[in-house]
């Protein structure tokens, strides 16, 4: 059974925007036993309450969008 791969992302609220932007912080892998290993490539910043929330999104194999494309510059 192949390993599942996930993107480790964090939502960042931007003043004046309705939706947050998503920052990719690394990758995660789920092995055959269901254990998840995480490799962070950058350090996530805490929100205004001092908490760090990360989300795992299954990797669809597509290249991530550039941040400028997400922000719509």
C-alpha atoms as a PDB file:
ATOM      1  CA  UNK A   1       0.000   0.000   0.000  1.00  0.00           C
ATOM      2  CA  UNK A   2       1.535   3.368  -0.997  1.00  0.00           C
ATOM      3  CA  UNK A   3       2.039   6.083   1.583  1.00  0.00           C
ATOM      4  CA  UNK A   4      -0.376   9.006   1.586  1.00  0.00           C
ATOM      5  CA  UNK A   5       1.219  12.422   1.204  1.00  0.00           C
ATOM      6  CA  UNK A   6      -0.234  15.636   2.623  1.00  0.00           C
ATOM      7  CA  UNK A   7       0.591  19.325   2.409  1.00  0.00           C
ATOM      8  CA  UNK A   8       0.949  20.987   5.818  1.00  0.00           C
ATOM      9  CA  UNK A   9      -0.723  24.402   5.575  1.00  0.00           C
ATOM     10  CA  UNK A  10      -1.764  27.281   7.802  1.00  0.00           C
ATOM     11  CA  UNK A  11      -4.523  29.836   7.186  1.00  0.00           C
ATOM     12  CA  UNK A  12      -3.380  33.451   7.554  1.00  0.00           C
ATOM     13  CA  UNK A  13      -5.924  36.234   7.895  1.00  0.00           C
ATOM     14  CA  UNK A  14      -5.123  39.366   5.912  1.00  0.00           C
ATOM     15  CA  UNK A  15      -6.825  42.654   6.856  1.00  0.00           C
ATOM     16  CA  UNK A  16      -9.269  43.737   4.157  1.00  0.00           C
ATOM     17  CA  UNK A  17      -9.740  40.226   2.716  1.00  0.00           C
ATOM     18  CA  UNK A  18     -12.808  38.052   3.179  1.00  0.00           C
ATOM     19  CA  UNK A  19     -10.862  34.790   3.001  1.00  0.00           C
ATOM     20  CA  UNK A  20      -7.497  33.835   4.477  1.00  0.00           C
ATOM     21  CA  UNK A  21      -4.495  32.918   2.366  1.00  0.00           C
ATOM     22  CA  UNK A  22      -2.972  29.465   2.852  1.00  0.00           C
ATOM     23  CA  UNK A  23       0.733  29.175   3.630  1.00  0.00           C
ATOM     24  CA  UNK A  24       2.431  25.842   2.965  1.00  0.00           C
ATOM     25  CA  UNK A  25       4.819  24.934   5.787  1.00  0.00           C
ATOM     26  CA  UNK A  26       5.862  21.433   4.756  1.00  0.00           C
ATOM     27  CA  UNK A  27       4.715  17.906   4.010  1.00  0.00           C
ATOM     28  CA  UNK A  28       3.349  14.964   5.981  1.00  0.00           C
ATOM     29  CA  UNK A  29       3.281  11.245   5.227  1.00  0.00           C
ATOM     30  CA  UNK A  30       0.932   8.554   6.529  1.00  0.00           C
ATOM     31  CA  UNK A  31       2.461   5.065   6.629  1.00  0.00           C
ATOM     32  CA  UNK A  32       0.772   1.683   6.313  1.00  0.00           C
ATOM     33  CA  UNK A  33      -0.007   1.645  10.067  1.00  0.00           C
ATOM     34  CA  UNK A  34      -1.745   5.044   9.994  1.00  0.00           C
ATOM     35  CA  UNK A  35       1.108   6.893  11.708  1.00  0.00           C
ATOM     36  CA  UNK A  36       1.775  10.411  10.424  1.00  0.00           C
ATOM     37  CA  UNK A  37       5.230  11.975  10.130  1.00  0.00           C
ATOM     38  CA  UNK A  38       5.567  15.718   9.540  1.00  0.00           C
ATOM     39  CA  UNK A  39       8.456  17.589   7.925  1.00  0.00           C
ATOM     40  CA  UNK A  40       8.261  21.357   8.417  1.00  0.00           C
ATOM     41  CA  UNK A  41      10.155  23.523   5.932  1.00  0.00           C
ATOM     42  CA  UNK A  42       9.256  26.763   7.730  1.00  0.00           C
ATOM     43  CA  UNK A  43       7.998  27.705  11.173  1.00  0.00           C
ATOM     44  CA  UNK A  44       4.326  28.623  11.491  1.00  0.00           C
ATOM     45  CA  UNK A  45       3.458  31.786  13.401  1.00  0.00           C
ATOM     46  CA  UNK A  46       0.896  31.834  16.221  1.00  0.00           C
ATOM     47  CA  UNK A  47      -2.452  33.587  15.781  1.00  0.00           C
ATOM     48  CA  UNK A  48      -3.614  36.474  17.986  1.00  0.00           C
ATOM     49  CA  UNK A  49      -4.487  33.983  20.775  1.00  0.00           C
ATOM     50  CA  UNK A  50      -0.977  32.506  20.690  1.00  0.00           C
ATOM     51  CA  UNK A  51      -2.135  29.238  19.070  1.00  0.00           C
ATOM     52  CA  UNK A  52      -0.689  27.497  16.033  1.00  0.00           C
ATOM     53  CA  UNK A  53      -3.212  25.586  13.903  1.00  0.00           C
ATOM     54  CA  UNK A  54      -2.003  23.499  10.967  1.00  0.00           C
ATOM     55  CA  UNK A  55      -4.113  21.678   8.400  1.00  0.00           C
ATOM     56  CA  UNK A  56      -3.277  18.574   6.383  1.00  0.00           C
ATOM     57  CA  UNK A  57      -4.570  18.543   2.810  1.00  0.00           C
ATOM     58  CA  UNK A  58      -4.066  15.421   0.734  1.00  0.00           C
ATOM     59  CA  UNK A  59      -1.459  16.161  -1.956  1.00  0.00           C
ATOM     60  CA  UNK A  60      -3.140  16.115  -5.366  1.00  0.00           C
ATOM     61  CA  UNK A  61       0.185  16.189  -7.233  1.00  0.00           C
ATOM     62  CA  UNK A  62      -0.326  19.693  -8.595  1.00  0.00           C
ATOM     63  CA  UNK A  63       2.234  22.416  -8.061  1.00  0.00           C
ATOM     64  CA  UNK A  64       1.194  24.961  -5.420  1.00  0.00           C
ATOM     65  CA  UNK A  65       0.068  28.398  -6.609  1.00  0.00           C
ATOM     66  CA  UNK A  66       2.371  31.313  -6.051  1.00  0.00           C
ATOM     67  CA  UNK A  67       1.369  33.537  -3.143  1.00  0.00           C
ATOM     68  CA  UNK A  68       0.932  36.455  -5.565  1.00  0.00           C
ATOM     69  CA  UNK A  69      -1.666  34.408  -7.477  1.00  0.00           C
ATOM     70  CA  UNK A  70      -3.516  33.589  -4.262  1.00  0.00           C
ATOM     71  CA  UNK A  71      -3.575  37.226  -3.138  1.00  0.00           C
ATOM     72  CA  UNK A  72      -4.616  38.343  -6.667  1.00  0.00           C
ATOM     73  CA  UNK A  73      -1.964  41.009  -7.206  1.00  0.00           C
END
